[in-house]
């Protein structure tokens, strides 16, 4: 499982994407699950990071889901029309 940090804004996004890409390379699972429950301080960049991880997972033939997506980020995803691309993990 990949884990997002507590803070994910425009400034942290590039390093976070890099960290998550490294995590993807080390996984053997058939589905990527990203744990977003630690997110406290974020902006729309968090959505961009999640969508990039989703794209990379798909390119590797893996499923994708998000665990613990904060309500505010879920609302932002709905506002941008991308909520359906970030399915909740069981």
N, C-alpha and C. Protein backbone atom coordinates (compact mmCIF):
# COMPACT_ATOMS: atom_id res chain seq x y z
N UNK A 1 0.85 -1.17 0.00
CA UNK A 1 0.00 0.00 0.00
C UNK A 1 0.89 1.24 0.00
N UNK A 2 0.54 2.18 -0.85
CA UNK A 2 1.25 3.46 -0.89
C UNK A 2 0.56 4.43 0.05
N UNK A 3 1.32 5.30 0.69
CA UNK A 3 0.76 6.20 1.70
C UNK A 3 1.09 7.65 1.35
N UNK A 4 0.05 8.49 1.36
CA UNK A 4 0.28 9.92 1.14
C UNK A 4 0.69 10.58 2.45
N UNK A 5 1.46 11.66 2.35
CA UNK A 5 1.87 12.39 3.55
C UNK A 5 0.71 13.23 4.11
N UNK A 6 0.91 13.84 5.25
CA UNK A 6 -0.14 14.67 5.85
C UNK A 6 -0.30 15.99 5.11
N UNK A 7 0.75 16.44 4.43
CA UNK A 7 0.70 17.69 3.68
C UNK A 7 1.02 17.40 2.21
N UNK A 8 0.12 17.83 1.33
CA UNK A 8 0.34 17.61 -0.09
C UNK A 8 -0.25 18.78 -0.87
N UNK A 9 0.62 19.77 -1.11
CA UNK A 9 0.23 20.95 -1.87
C UNK A 9 1.13 21.03 -3.10
N UNK A 10 0.97 22.09 -3.85
CA UNK A 10 1.75 22.29 -5.07
C UNK A 10 3.25 22.12 -4.81
N UNK A 11 3.73 22.63 -3.68
CA UNK A 11 5.17 22.55 -3.38
C UNK A 11 5.65 21.12 -3.15
N UNK A 12 4.83 20.29 -2.54
CA UNK A 12 5.23 18.92 -2.22
C UNK A 12 4.91 17.92 -3.33
N UNK A 13 4.09 18.30 -4.29
CA UNK A 13 3.60 17.35 -5.30
C UNK A 13 4.70 16.64 -6.09
N UNK A 14 5.70 17.36 -6.63
CA UNK A 14 6.72 16.64 -7.42
C UNK A 14 7.45 15.56 -6.62
N UNK A 15 7.83 15.89 -5.39
CA UNK A 15 8.54 14.90 -4.57
C UNK A 15 7.62 13.74 -4.20
N UNK A 16 6.35 14.03 -3.98
CA UNK A 16 5.40 12.98 -3.63
C UNK A 16 5.19 12.03 -4.82
N UNK A 17 5.04 12.59 -6.01
CA UNK A 17 4.88 11.74 -7.21
C UNK A 17 6.10 10.84 -7.36
N UNK A 18 7.28 11.40 -7.18
CA UNK A 18 8.51 10.61 -7.30
C UNK A 18 8.51 9.47 -6.28
N UNK A 19 8.17 9.80 -5.02
CA UNK A 19 8.14 8.79 -3.96
C UNK A 19 7.15 7.67 -4.30
N UNK A 20 5.97 8.05 -4.78
CA UNK A 20 4.95 7.05 -5.11
C UNK A 20 5.36 6.22 -6.32
N UNK A 21 6.03 6.83 -7.30
CA UNK A 21 6.52 6.07 -8.45
C UNK A 21 7.52 5.01 -8.00
N UNK A 22 8.38 5.39 -7.06
CA UNK A 22 9.35 4.42 -6.53
C UNK A 22 8.62 3.28 -5.82
N UNK A 23 7.57 3.63 -5.09
CA UNK A 23 6.77 2.61 -4.42
C UNK A 23 6.08 1.67 -5.39
N UNK A 24 5.61 2.22 -6.50
CA UNK A 24 4.96 1.39 -7.52
C UNK A 24 5.93 0.37 -8.09
N UNK A 25 7.16 0.79 -8.30
CA UNK A 25 8.16 -0.10 -8.88
C UNK A 25 8.46 -1.28 -7.96
N UNK A 26 8.34 -1.06 -6.66
CA UNK A 26 8.65 -2.12 -5.71
C UNK A 26 7.48 -3.02 -5.38
N UNK A 27 6.32 -2.78 -5.99
CA UNK A 27 5.13 -3.57 -5.68
C UNK A 27 4.95 -4.71 -6.67
N UNK A 28 4.45 -5.82 -6.14
CA UNK A 28 4.14 -6.96 -7.00
C UNK A 28 2.64 -7.21 -7.07
N UNK A 29 1.87 -6.41 -6.33
CA UNK A 29 0.42 -6.60 -6.28
C UNK A 29 -0.23 -6.33 -7.64
N UNK A 30 -1.43 -6.85 -7.81
CA UNK A 30 -2.17 -6.63 -9.05
C UNK A 30 -3.00 -5.36 -8.99
N UNK A 31 -3.11 -4.76 -7.81
CA UNK A 31 -3.84 -3.50 -7.66
C UNK A 31 -3.06 -2.56 -6.76
N UNK A 32 -3.09 -1.31 -7.11
CA UNK A 32 -2.44 -0.27 -6.31
C UNK A 32 -3.48 0.36 -5.41
N UNK A 33 -3.17 0.39 -4.11
CA UNK A 33 -4.04 1.06 -3.15
C UNK A 33 -3.23 2.19 -2.53
N UNK A 34 -3.80 3.39 -2.57
CA UNK A 34 -3.15 4.56 -1.98
C UNK A 34 -3.94 4.95 -0.73
N UNK A 35 -3.24 5.02 0.39
CA UNK A 35 -3.86 5.42 1.66
C UNK A 35 -3.74 6.94 1.80
N UNK A 36 -4.87 7.63 1.74
CA UNK A 36 -4.90 9.09 1.83
C UNK A 36 -5.39 9.57 3.19
N UNK A 37 -5.53 8.67 4.14
CA UNK A 37 -6.13 9.03 5.42
C UNK A 37 -5.29 10.00 6.24
N UNK A 38 -4.00 10.10 5.98
CA UNK A 38 -3.15 11.04 6.72
C UNK A 38 -3.26 12.47 6.23
N UNK A 39 -3.84 12.66 5.04
CA UNK A 39 -3.92 14.01 4.46
C UNK A 39 -4.69 14.97 5.37
N UNK A 40 -4.04 16.09 5.69
CA UNK A 40 -4.66 17.13 6.49
C UNK A 40 -4.61 18.45 5.75
N UNK A 41 -3.44 18.80 5.23
CA UNK A 41 -3.23 20.04 4.48
C UNK A 41 -3.01 19.67 3.01
N UNK A 42 -3.93 20.07 2.14
CA UNK A 42 -3.79 19.72 0.73
C UNK A 42 -4.51 20.75 -0.13
N UNK A 43 -4.19 20.73 -1.41
CA UNK A 43 -4.90 21.53 -2.39
C UNK A 43 -5.18 20.62 -3.59
N UNK A 44 -5.56 21.20 -4.69
CA UNK A 44 -5.92 20.38 -5.86
C UNK A 44 -4.74 19.57 -6.40
N UNK A 45 -3.54 19.91 -5.98
CA UNK A 45 -2.37 19.13 -6.39
C UNK A 45 -2.47 17.69 -5.89
N UNK A 46 -3.14 17.48 -4.78
CA UNK A 46 -3.31 16.11 -4.27
C UNK A 46 -4.09 15.27 -5.28
N UNK A 47 -5.08 15.89 -5.92
CA UNK A 47 -5.83 15.17 -6.97
C UNK A 47 -4.92 14.84 -8.13
N UNK A 48 -4.09 15.79 -8.52
CA UNK A 48 -3.17 15.55 -9.64
C UNK A 48 -2.22 14.40 -9.32
N UNK A 49 -1.75 14.34 -8.09
CA UNK A 49 -0.85 13.25 -7.68
C UNK A 49 -1.58 11.92 -7.75
N UNK A 50 -2.78 11.86 -7.20
CA UNK A 50 -3.56 10.62 -7.24
C UNK A 50 -3.85 10.18 -8.67
N UNK A 51 -4.19 11.12 -9.52
CA UNK A 51 -4.48 10.78 -10.91
C UNK A 51 -3.23 10.29 -11.65
N UNK A 52 -2.08 10.84 -11.30
CA UNK A 52 -0.83 10.37 -11.91
C UNK A 52 -0.51 8.95 -11.46
N UNK A 53 -0.72 8.65 -10.19
CA UNK A 53 -0.49 7.29 -9.70
C UNK A 53 -1.48 6.33 -10.37
N UNK A 54 -2.71 6.77 -10.54
CA UNK A 54 -3.71 5.95 -11.23
C UNK A 54 -3.26 5.66 -12.66
N UNK A 55 -2.77 6.68 -13.35
CA UNK A 55 -2.31 6.52 -14.73
C UNK A 55 -1.15 5.52 -14.79
N UNK A 56 -0.21 5.67 -13.88
CA UNK A 56 0.95 4.76 -13.86
C UNK A 56 0.53 3.34 -13.53
N UNK A 57 -0.41 3.18 -12.62
CA UNK A 57 -0.91 1.85 -12.27
C UNK A 57 -1.57 1.20 -13.47
N UNK A 58 -2.37 1.99 -14.16
CA UNK A 58 -3.06 1.48 -15.35
C UNK A 58 -2.05 1.08 -16.43
N UNK A 59 -1.00 1.86 -16.60
CA UNK A 59 0.03 1.55 -17.59
C UNK A 59 0.74 0.23 -17.26
N UNK A 60 0.74 -0.13 -15.98
CA UNK A 60 1.36 -1.39 -15.55
C UNK A 60 0.35 -2.53 -15.50
N UNK A 61 -0.88 -2.25 -15.92
CA UNK A 61 -1.91 -3.27 -15.94
C UNK A 61 -2.50 -3.57 -14.57
N UNK A 62 -2.42 -2.64 -13.66
CA UNK A 62 -2.91 -2.84 -12.31
C UNK A 62 -4.20 -2.04 -12.07
N UNK A 63 -4.99 -2.52 -11.13
CA UNK A 63 -6.15 -1.78 -10.69
C UNK A 63 -5.69 -0.63 -9.79
N UNK A 64 -6.65 0.19 -9.38
CA UNK A 64 -6.32 1.36 -8.56
C UNK A 64 -7.48 1.69 -7.63
N UNK A 65 -7.17 2.02 -6.39
CA UNK A 65 -8.18 2.45 -5.43
C UNK A 65 -7.54 3.34 -4.38
N UNK A 66 -8.37 4.15 -3.73
CA UNK A 66 -7.89 5.06 -2.70
C UNK A 66 -8.59 4.73 -1.39
N UNK A 67 -7.81 4.64 -0.34
CA UNK A 67 -8.34 4.37 1.00
C UNK A 67 -8.28 5.66 1.81
N UNK A 68 -9.37 5.97 2.51
CA UNK A 68 -9.37 7.09 3.43
C UNK A 68 -9.31 8.47 2.80
N UNK A 69 -9.91 8.63 1.65
CA UNK A 69 -9.91 9.94 0.99
C UNK A 69 -10.69 10.93 1.85
N UNK A 70 -10.05 12.03 2.29
CA UNK A 70 -10.76 13.01 3.12
C UNK A 70 -11.99 13.58 2.41
N UNK A 71 -13.01 13.88 3.17
CA UNK A 71 -14.27 14.39 2.60
C UNK A 71 -14.05 15.63 1.74
N UNK A 72 -13.20 16.55 2.20
CA UNK A 72 -12.95 17.76 1.41
C UNK A 72 -12.31 17.45 0.07
N UNK A 73 -11.42 16.47 0.05
CA UNK A 73 -10.78 16.10 -1.21
C UNK A 73 -11.76 15.37 -2.11
N UNK A 74 -12.64 14.57 -1.52
CA UNK A 74 -13.68 13.89 -2.30
C UNK A 74 -14.59 14.93 -2.96
N UNK A 75 -14.95 15.98 -2.21
CA UNK A 75 -15.78 17.06 -2.75
C UNK A 75 -15.06 17.78 -3.88
N UNK A 76 -13.78 18.02 -3.71
CA UNK A 76 -13.00 18.68 -4.76
C UNK A 76 -12.93 17.81 -6.01
N UNK A 77 -12.78 16.50 -5.83
CA UNK A 77 -12.76 15.59 -6.97
C UNK A 77 -14.09 15.62 -7.71
N UNK A 78 -15.19 15.68 -6.97
CA UNK A 78 -16.51 15.77 -7.59
C UNK A 78 -16.66 17.08 -8.35
N UNK A 79 -16.18 18.16 -7.77
CA UNK A 79 -16.25 19.48 -8.42
C UNK A 79 -15.51 19.48 -9.74
N UNK A 80 -14.35 18.82 -9.77
CA UNK A 80 -13.54 18.75 -11.00
C UNK A 80 -13.99 17.64 -11.95
N UNK A 81 -14.95 16.84 -11.53
CA UNK A 81 -15.47 15.78 -12.39
C UNK A 81 -14.58 14.55 -12.49
N UNK A 82 -13.73 14.33 -11.48
CA UNK A 82 -12.82 13.18 -11.53
C UNK A 82 -13.09 12.18 -10.42
N UNK A 83 -14.15 12.35 -9.66
CA UNK A 83 -14.45 11.46 -8.53
C UNK A 83 -14.53 10.00 -8.96
N UNK A 84 -15.07 9.73 -10.13
CA UNK A 84 -15.19 8.37 -10.62
C UNK A 84 -13.86 7.71 -10.93
N UNK A 85 -12.81 8.51 -11.05
CA UNK A 85 -11.48 7.96 -11.32
C UNK A 85 -10.73 7.59 -10.06
N UNK A 86 -11.33 7.89 -8.90
CA UNK A 86 -10.69 7.62 -7.62
C UNK A 86 -11.58 6.72 -6.76
N UNK A 87 -11.75 5.47 -7.17
CA UNK A 87 -12.64 4.57 -6.42
C UNK A 87 -12.11 4.30 -5.01
N UNK A 88 -13.05 4.11 -4.09
CA UNK A 88 -12.68 3.82 -2.71
C UNK A 88 -12.22 2.38 -2.57
N UNK A 89 -11.18 2.19 -1.79
CA UNK A 89 -10.69 0.83 -1.50
C UNK A 89 -11.61 0.20 -0.47
N UNK A 90 -11.81 -1.11 -0.58
CA UNK A 90 -12.67 -1.79 0.41
C UNK A 90 -12.06 -1.80 1.80
